[in-house]
N, C-alpha and C. Protein backbone atom coordinates (compact mmCIF):
# COMPACT_ATOMS: atom_id res chain seq x y z
N MET A 1 41.80 29.91 11.80
CA MET A 1 41.82 28.54 12.29
C MET A 1 43.28 28.16 12.55
N ASN A 2 43.52 27.66 13.75
CA ASN A 2 44.89 27.26 14.08
C ASN A 2 45.18 25.83 13.59
N ALA A 3 46.41 25.41 13.72
CA ALA A 3 46.84 24.11 13.20
C ALA A 3 46.09 22.95 13.84
N ASN A 4 45.82 23.04 15.16
CA ASN A 4 45.08 21.97 15.84
C ASN A 4 43.66 21.86 15.32
N SER A 5 43.01 23.00 15.11
CA SER A 5 41.64 22.99 14.58
C SER A 5 41.61 22.38 13.18
N TYR A 6 42.58 22.75 12.35
CA TYR A 6 42.65 22.21 11.00
C TYR A 6 42.83 20.69 11.04
N GLU A 7 43.68 20.23 11.95
CA GLU A 7 43.90 18.79 12.09
C GLU A 7 42.61 18.09 12.52
N ASN A 8 41.85 18.69 13.45
CA ASN A 8 40.58 18.13 13.89
C ASN A 8 39.57 18.09 12.75
N VAL A 9 39.51 19.16 11.96
CA VAL A 9 38.58 19.21 10.83
C VAL A 9 38.91 18.08 9.85
N THR A 10 40.17 17.94 9.54
CA THR A 10 40.60 16.89 8.61
C THR A 10 40.27 15.51 9.15
N GLN A 11 40.53 15.31 10.43
CA GLN A 11 40.26 14.02 11.06
C GLN A 11 38.76 13.73 11.10
N LEU A 12 37.94 14.72 11.46
CA LEU A 12 36.49 14.52 11.49
C LEU A 12 35.94 14.20 10.10
N ARG A 13 36.39 14.94 9.09
CA ARG A 13 35.93 14.67 7.73
C ARG A 13 36.29 13.25 7.31
N SER A 14 37.48 12.84 7.62
CA SER A 14 37.93 11.50 7.27
C SER A 14 37.10 10.44 8.00
N LEU A 15 36.88 10.64 9.29
CA LEU A 15 36.13 9.66 10.09
C LEU A 15 34.67 9.57 9.66
N PHE A 16 34.03 10.72 9.40
CA PHE A 16 32.64 10.70 8.94
C PHE A 16 32.55 10.00 7.58
N SER A 17 33.52 10.23 6.72
CA SER A 17 33.54 9.58 5.41
C SER A 17 33.72 8.07 5.57
N ARG A 18 34.63 7.66 6.43
CA ARG A 18 34.85 6.23 6.67
C ARG A 18 33.61 5.58 7.26
N LEU A 19 32.93 6.26 8.17
CA LEU A 19 31.71 5.72 8.77
C LEU A 19 30.63 5.56 7.71
N ALA A 20 30.49 6.56 6.85
CA ALA A 20 29.48 6.49 5.79
C ALA A 20 29.75 5.33 4.83
N LYS A 21 31.01 5.04 4.60
CA LYS A 21 31.38 3.98 3.65
C LYS A 21 31.54 2.61 4.31
N SER A 22 31.48 2.56 5.62
CA SER A 22 31.72 1.30 6.32
C SER A 22 30.61 0.30 6.02
N ASP A 23 30.91 -0.96 6.23
CA ASP A 23 29.98 -2.03 5.90
C ASP A 23 29.07 -2.45 7.05
N TRP A 24 29.00 -1.67 8.12
CA TRP A 24 28.26 -2.15 9.29
C TRP A 24 26.78 -2.35 9.00
N ARG A 25 26.19 -1.60 8.05
CA ARG A 25 24.77 -1.79 7.73
C ARG A 25 24.58 -2.76 6.57
N LYS A 26 25.59 -2.95 5.77
CA LYS A 26 25.47 -3.76 4.57
C LYS A 26 25.39 -5.25 4.89
N GLN A 27 25.69 -5.63 6.10
CA GLN A 27 25.60 -7.04 6.49
C GLN A 27 24.17 -7.55 6.42
N GLN A 28 23.22 -6.64 6.42
CA GLN A 28 21.81 -7.05 6.45
C GLN A 28 21.30 -7.51 5.09
N THR A 29 22.17 -7.68 4.11
CA THR A 29 21.73 -8.10 2.79
C THR A 29 21.77 -9.62 2.61
N LYS A 30 21.94 -10.35 3.66
CA LYS A 30 22.00 -11.82 3.56
C LYS A 30 20.66 -12.43 3.13
N TRP A 31 19.60 -11.62 3.10
CA TRP A 31 18.28 -12.11 2.71
C TRP A 31 18.02 -11.89 1.22
N ASN A 32 19.06 -11.51 0.49
CA ASN A 32 18.97 -11.26 -0.95
C ASN A 32 18.03 -10.11 -1.32
N ILE A 33 17.94 -9.14 -0.43
CA ILE A 33 17.27 -7.89 -0.75
C ILE A 33 18.22 -6.76 -0.35
N LYS A 34 17.97 -5.59 -0.90
CA LYS A 34 18.84 -4.44 -0.63
C LYS A 34 18.75 -4.02 0.84
N ALA A 35 19.83 -3.45 1.34
CA ALA A 35 19.85 -2.95 2.72
C ALA A 35 18.75 -1.91 2.93
N SER A 36 18.49 -1.09 1.92
CA SER A 36 17.43 -0.07 2.04
C SER A 36 16.06 -0.73 2.19
N GLU A 37 15.87 -1.88 1.54
CA GLU A 37 14.59 -2.60 1.67
C GLU A 37 14.47 -3.25 3.04
N VAL A 38 15.58 -3.71 3.58
CA VAL A 38 15.56 -4.25 4.95
C VAL A 38 15.18 -3.13 5.92
N ARG A 39 15.76 -1.93 5.72
CA ARG A 39 15.41 -0.79 6.58
C ARG A 39 13.93 -0.45 6.45
N LEU A 40 13.37 -0.60 5.24
CA LEU A 40 11.94 -0.35 5.06
C LEU A 40 11.12 -1.37 5.84
N LEU A 41 11.50 -2.64 5.79
CA LEU A 41 10.79 -3.66 6.57
C LEU A 41 10.84 -3.33 8.06
N LEU A 42 12.00 -2.89 8.53
CA LEU A 42 12.13 -2.50 9.94
C LEU A 42 11.26 -1.29 10.25
N ALA A 43 11.17 -0.35 9.32
CA ALA A 43 10.33 0.84 9.52
C ALA A 43 8.86 0.45 9.62
N VAL A 44 8.43 -0.49 8.78
CA VAL A 44 7.04 -0.96 8.85
C VAL A 44 6.79 -1.65 10.19
N LYS A 45 7.73 -2.49 10.60
CA LYS A 45 7.60 -3.20 11.88
C LYS A 45 7.51 -2.22 13.04
N GLU A 46 8.46 -1.30 13.12
CA GLU A 46 8.50 -0.34 14.24
C GLU A 46 7.35 0.66 14.16
N GLY A 47 7.08 1.16 12.96
CA GLY A 47 5.99 2.14 12.79
C GLY A 47 4.64 1.56 13.13
N SER A 48 4.41 0.30 12.76
CA SER A 48 3.15 -0.37 13.09
C SER A 48 3.02 -0.56 14.59
N LYS A 49 4.14 -0.93 15.22
CA LYS A 49 4.13 -1.13 16.67
C LYS A 49 3.82 0.18 17.39
N GLN A 50 4.46 1.28 16.96
CA GLN A 50 4.23 2.58 17.59
C GLN A 50 2.80 3.06 17.39
N ALA A 51 2.24 2.78 16.21
CA ALA A 51 0.88 3.22 15.92
C ALA A 51 -0.15 2.24 16.47
N ASP A 52 0.33 1.15 17.07
CA ASP A 52 -0.53 0.10 17.59
C ASP A 52 -1.49 -0.37 16.50
N SER A 53 -0.91 -0.67 15.35
CA SER A 53 -1.69 -1.03 14.18
C SER A 53 -0.97 -2.14 13.43
N GLU A 54 -1.67 -2.81 12.54
CA GLU A 54 -1.05 -3.83 11.69
C GLU A 54 -0.19 -3.19 10.61
N GLY A 55 -0.68 -2.04 10.08
CA GLY A 55 -0.02 -1.43 8.94
C GLY A 55 0.42 0.00 9.18
N ILE A 56 1.06 0.55 8.15
CA ILE A 56 1.60 1.90 8.21
C ILE A 56 1.48 2.49 6.80
N THR A 57 1.32 3.80 6.71
CA THR A 57 1.17 4.44 5.40
C THR A 57 2.53 4.70 4.74
N VAL A 58 2.50 4.88 3.43
CA VAL A 58 3.71 5.21 2.69
C VAL A 58 4.30 6.52 3.22
N SER A 59 3.43 7.47 3.52
CA SER A 59 3.86 8.76 4.04
C SER A 59 4.62 8.60 5.36
N ASP A 60 4.10 7.75 6.24
CA ASP A 60 4.77 7.51 7.52
C ASP A 60 6.12 6.81 7.32
N ILE A 61 6.17 5.86 6.40
CA ILE A 61 7.44 5.19 6.11
C ILE A 61 8.44 6.21 5.58
N SER A 62 7.96 7.08 4.71
CA SER A 62 8.81 8.13 4.13
C SER A 62 9.41 9.01 5.22
N LYS A 63 8.60 9.37 6.20
CA LYS A 63 9.10 10.20 7.31
C LYS A 63 10.13 9.45 8.15
N ILE A 64 9.86 8.19 8.44
CA ILE A 64 10.78 7.40 9.26
C ILE A 64 12.13 7.25 8.56
N LEU A 65 12.10 6.93 7.27
CA LEU A 65 13.33 6.68 6.52
C LEU A 65 13.98 7.96 5.99
N GLN A 66 13.23 9.05 6.05
CA GLN A 66 13.69 10.35 5.56
C GLN A 66 14.06 10.28 4.08
N VAL A 67 13.17 9.68 3.32
CA VAL A 67 13.28 9.65 1.86
C VAL A 67 11.92 10.02 1.28
N THR A 68 11.88 10.30 -0.01
CA THR A 68 10.62 10.74 -0.63
C THR A 68 9.63 9.58 -0.76
N SER A 69 8.35 9.94 -0.83
CA SER A 69 7.31 8.92 -1.01
C SER A 69 7.50 8.11 -2.29
N PRO A 70 7.87 8.73 -3.44
CA PRO A 70 8.10 7.91 -4.64
C PRO A 70 9.21 6.87 -4.45
N THR A 71 10.24 7.21 -3.69
CA THR A 71 11.31 6.25 -3.40
C THR A 71 10.76 5.09 -2.59
N VAL A 72 9.94 5.41 -1.59
CA VAL A 72 9.32 4.37 -0.75
C VAL A 72 8.41 3.48 -1.60
N THR A 73 7.61 4.10 -2.45
CA THR A 73 6.69 3.35 -3.31
C THR A 73 7.44 2.37 -4.20
N GLN A 74 8.56 2.81 -4.76
CA GLN A 74 9.36 1.93 -5.61
C GLN A 74 9.88 0.73 -4.81
N MET A 75 10.37 0.98 -3.61
CA MET A 75 10.86 -0.13 -2.77
C MET A 75 9.72 -1.07 -2.40
N ILE A 76 8.56 -0.49 -2.07
CA ILE A 76 7.40 -1.30 -1.69
C ILE A 76 6.98 -2.20 -2.85
N ASN A 77 6.95 -1.65 -4.06
CA ASN A 77 6.58 -2.46 -5.22
C ASN A 77 7.50 -3.66 -5.39
N ASN A 78 8.80 -3.47 -5.18
CA ASN A 78 9.75 -4.58 -5.23
C ASN A 78 9.46 -5.60 -4.14
N LEU A 79 9.19 -5.11 -2.94
CA LEU A 79 8.94 -6.00 -1.81
C LEU A 79 7.62 -6.75 -1.97
N ILE A 80 6.62 -6.12 -2.58
CA ILE A 80 5.34 -6.80 -2.84
C ILE A 80 5.56 -7.95 -3.83
N LYS A 81 6.34 -7.71 -4.89
CA LYS A 81 6.62 -8.74 -5.89
C LYS A 81 7.23 -9.99 -5.26
N ASN A 82 8.03 -9.78 -4.24
CA ASN A 82 8.71 -10.90 -3.59
C ASN A 82 8.02 -11.36 -2.31
N ASP A 83 6.80 -10.88 -2.10
CA ASP A 83 5.96 -11.29 -0.97
C ASP A 83 6.58 -10.99 0.40
N TYR A 84 7.19 -9.80 0.54
CA TYR A 84 7.70 -9.37 1.83
C TYR A 84 6.72 -8.42 2.53
N VAL A 85 5.95 -7.68 1.73
CA VAL A 85 4.94 -6.78 2.28
C VAL A 85 3.66 -6.90 1.46
N LYS A 86 2.57 -6.37 2.04
CA LYS A 86 1.27 -6.35 1.36
C LYS A 86 0.73 -4.93 1.42
N ARG A 87 0.01 -4.56 0.39
CA ARG A 87 -0.65 -3.26 0.35
C ARG A 87 -2.15 -3.53 0.49
N SER A 88 -2.80 -2.80 1.39
CA SER A 88 -4.24 -3.00 1.59
C SER A 88 -4.91 -1.68 1.94
N VAL A 89 -6.23 -1.66 1.80
CA VAL A 89 -7.01 -0.48 2.14
C VAL A 89 -7.30 -0.51 3.63
N HIS A 90 -7.19 0.65 4.28
CA HIS A 90 -7.47 0.76 5.72
C HIS A 90 -8.89 0.29 5.99
N PRO A 91 -9.11 -0.49 7.05
CA PRO A 91 -10.44 -1.06 7.31
C PRO A 91 -11.54 -0.03 7.57
N THR A 92 -11.21 1.10 8.16
CA THR A 92 -12.27 2.08 8.48
C THR A 92 -12.24 3.33 7.61
N ASP A 93 -11.12 3.59 6.94
CA ASP A 93 -11.02 4.76 6.06
C ASP A 93 -10.45 4.31 4.72
N ARG A 94 -11.34 4.10 3.76
CA ARG A 94 -10.94 3.54 2.47
C ARG A 94 -10.03 4.44 1.65
N ARG A 95 -9.84 5.69 2.08
CA ARG A 95 -8.93 6.60 1.37
C ARG A 95 -7.47 6.30 1.71
N ILE A 96 -7.25 5.56 2.78
CA ILE A 96 -5.90 5.29 3.27
C ILE A 96 -5.44 3.90 2.82
N THR A 97 -4.24 3.86 2.27
CA THR A 97 -3.61 2.59 1.91
C THR A 97 -2.54 2.28 2.95
N GLU A 98 -2.57 1.06 3.45
CA GLU A 98 -1.60 0.65 4.46
C GLU A 98 -0.65 -0.41 3.91
N ILE A 99 0.55 -0.39 4.44
CA ILE A 99 1.55 -1.40 4.11
C ILE A 99 1.73 -2.28 5.34
N THR A 100 1.62 -3.58 5.15
CA THR A 100 1.82 -4.53 6.25
C THR A 100 2.88 -5.55 5.85
N LEU A 101 3.49 -6.15 6.84
CA LEU A 101 4.50 -7.18 6.59
C LEU A 101 3.82 -8.52 6.35
N SER A 102 4.32 -9.27 5.37
CA SER A 102 3.89 -10.66 5.19
C SER A 102 4.63 -11.49 6.23
N GLU A 103 4.33 -12.78 6.29
CA GLU A 103 5.06 -13.64 7.23
C GLU A 103 6.56 -13.65 6.91
N LYS A 104 6.87 -13.68 5.62
CA LYS A 104 8.27 -13.63 5.17
C LYS A 104 8.92 -12.32 5.61
N GLY A 105 8.20 -11.22 5.44
CA GLY A 105 8.70 -9.90 5.83
C GLY A 105 8.89 -9.79 7.33
N LYS A 106 7.94 -10.36 8.08
CA LYS A 106 8.05 -10.34 9.55
C LYS A 106 9.31 -11.08 10.00
N GLN A 107 9.59 -12.21 9.37
CA GLN A 107 10.76 -13.01 9.74
C GLN A 107 12.05 -12.24 9.47
N ILE A 108 12.14 -11.60 8.30
CA ILE A 108 13.34 -10.83 7.97
C ILE A 108 13.49 -9.65 8.92
N ALA A 109 12.38 -8.95 9.20
CA ALA A 109 12.44 -7.80 10.11
C ALA A 109 12.89 -8.24 11.50
N LYS A 110 12.39 -9.39 11.94
CA LYS A 110 12.79 -9.91 13.25
C LYS A 110 14.29 -10.22 13.27
N GLU A 111 14.76 -10.92 12.26
CA GLU A 111 16.19 -11.28 12.19
C GLU A 111 17.07 -10.03 12.06
N ALA A 112 16.65 -9.08 11.24
CA ALA A 112 17.43 -7.85 11.04
C ALA A 112 17.49 -7.03 12.32
N SER A 113 16.37 -6.98 13.04
CA SER A 113 16.33 -6.25 14.30
C SER A 113 17.28 -6.89 15.32
N GLU A 114 17.24 -8.21 15.40
CA GLU A 114 18.14 -8.93 16.31
C GLU A 114 19.60 -8.71 15.92
N GLN A 115 19.88 -8.72 14.62
CA GLN A 115 21.25 -8.53 14.15
C GLN A 115 21.74 -7.12 14.49
N ALA A 116 20.89 -6.11 14.28
CA ALA A 116 21.28 -4.73 14.60
C ALA A 116 21.53 -4.59 16.10
N THR A 117 20.66 -5.20 16.90
CA THR A 117 20.84 -5.16 18.35
C THR A 117 22.18 -5.79 18.73
N ASN A 118 22.49 -6.92 18.13
CA ASN A 118 23.77 -7.60 18.42
C ASN A 118 24.97 -6.75 18.03
N ILE A 119 24.88 -6.08 16.89
CA ILE A 119 25.98 -5.22 16.43
C ILE A 119 26.22 -4.10 17.44
N PHE A 120 25.14 -3.44 17.87
CA PHE A 120 25.32 -2.31 18.79
C PHE A 120 25.67 -2.78 20.20
N GLU A 121 25.18 -3.94 20.61
CA GLU A 121 25.62 -4.49 21.90
C GLU A 121 27.12 -4.79 21.84
N GLY A 122 27.58 -5.29 20.71
CA GLY A 122 29.00 -5.55 20.53
C GLY A 122 29.82 -4.27 20.60
N LEU A 123 29.30 -3.20 19.99
CA LEU A 123 29.99 -1.91 20.05
C LEU A 123 30.06 -1.41 21.49
N ILE A 124 28.97 -1.55 22.23
CA ILE A 124 28.95 -1.12 23.64
C ILE A 124 29.95 -1.94 24.45
N ASP A 125 29.99 -3.25 24.22
CA ASP A 125 30.97 -4.10 24.91
C ASP A 125 32.39 -3.69 24.55
N PHE A 126 32.62 -3.37 23.29
CA PHE A 126 33.94 -2.98 22.80
C PHE A 126 34.38 -1.66 23.43
N LEU A 127 33.47 -0.68 23.47
CA LEU A 127 33.82 0.64 24.00
C LEU A 127 33.77 0.71 25.52
N GLY A 128 32.89 -0.07 26.12
CA GLY A 128 32.64 0.04 27.55
C GLY A 128 31.52 1.04 27.81
N LYS A 129 30.93 0.98 29.00
CA LYS A 129 29.77 1.81 29.34
C LYS A 129 30.09 3.29 29.26
N GLU A 130 31.19 3.71 29.86
CA GLU A 130 31.51 5.14 29.92
C GLU A 130 31.70 5.74 28.53
N GLN A 131 32.50 5.07 27.70
CA GLN A 131 32.73 5.60 26.36
C GLN A 131 31.48 5.50 25.48
N SER A 132 30.66 4.47 25.71
CA SER A 132 29.40 4.36 24.97
C SER A 132 28.48 5.52 25.31
N ASP A 133 28.40 5.86 26.60
CA ASP A 133 27.59 7.01 27.02
C ASP A 133 28.13 8.30 26.40
N GLN A 134 29.44 8.44 26.36
CA GLN A 134 30.05 9.62 25.75
C GLN A 134 29.73 9.67 24.25
N LEU A 135 29.81 8.52 23.59
CA LEU A 135 29.52 8.47 22.15
C LEU A 135 28.07 8.89 21.89
N VAL A 136 27.14 8.37 22.68
CA VAL A 136 25.73 8.74 22.53
C VAL A 136 25.57 10.25 22.71
N ASN A 137 26.16 10.79 23.75
CA ASN A 137 26.07 12.22 24.02
C ASN A 137 26.66 13.05 22.88
N LEU A 138 27.84 12.67 22.41
CA LEU A 138 28.49 13.41 21.33
C LEU A 138 27.71 13.31 20.02
N LEU A 139 27.15 12.14 19.73
CA LEU A 139 26.35 12.01 18.51
C LEU A 139 25.07 12.84 18.59
N GLU A 140 24.42 12.85 19.76
CA GLU A 140 23.23 13.68 19.93
C GLU A 140 23.56 15.15 19.72
N GLN A 141 24.67 15.60 20.30
CA GLN A 141 25.09 16.99 20.12
C GLN A 141 25.43 17.27 18.65
N SER A 142 26.07 16.32 17.99
CA SER A 142 26.43 16.49 16.57
C SER A 142 25.17 16.60 15.72
N PHE A 143 24.19 15.74 15.96
CA PHE A 143 22.95 15.80 15.19
C PHE A 143 22.22 17.11 15.43
N THR A 144 22.22 17.58 16.67
CA THR A 144 21.61 18.88 16.97
C THR A 144 22.30 19.98 16.18
N TYR A 145 23.62 19.95 16.15
CA TYR A 145 24.38 20.95 15.39
C TYR A 145 24.02 20.89 13.90
N PHE A 146 24.02 19.68 13.33
CA PHE A 146 23.73 19.55 11.90
C PHE A 146 22.29 19.96 11.57
N GLU A 147 21.35 19.67 12.46
CA GLU A 147 19.97 20.12 12.26
C GLU A 147 19.90 21.64 12.26
N GLN A 148 20.64 22.27 13.16
CA GLN A 148 20.65 23.74 13.23
C GLN A 148 21.23 24.36 11.96
N ILE A 149 22.34 23.83 11.47
CA ILE A 149 22.92 24.43 10.26
C ILE A 149 22.06 24.13 9.04
N ASN A 150 21.38 22.98 9.02
CA ASN A 150 20.49 22.67 7.90
C ASN A 150 19.30 23.63 7.89
N LYS A 151 18.77 23.99 9.05
CA LYS A 151 17.66 24.95 9.12
C LYS A 151 18.08 26.32 8.63
N LYS A 152 19.31 26.71 8.92
CA LYS A 152 19.82 28.02 8.48
C LYS A 152 19.98 28.06 6.97
N GLN A 153 20.28 26.93 6.36
CA GLN A 153 20.52 26.88 4.92
C GLN A 153 19.22 26.85 4.11
N ILE A 154 18.13 26.53 4.76
CA ILE A 154 16.84 26.42 4.04
C ILE A 154 16.23 27.77 3.80
């Protein structure tokens, strides 16, 4: 590895670390719930919309958030206590339990979605169209690379 490559490696490690620690997602805690719970509400909202259904299963939420089902269940139990989501039996298949948003949960998901959209629109305005397109392309390539090395390690 030459000196330029080493400098790039150091810079990438530093930037990825700074991005991971940045507060851009933590702003969503203004509703007095954890950012991870806000992401769960958004997952229920988006997953239900994609499935053209009122609710979504714990398993589907787990896949969307890329966390284990027990982790999702723990978050759901907290959200149920505070009336952000409801757990119910599927109307046609009683073996399936669905998670739906309460009115309170719908409102938070709507506000959080709008806030996230505003943040990324601001980033696009800040970078400009050309650099935003480049960023999207580079991130897609980076994720492809990381998926490939993760498959090799399994």
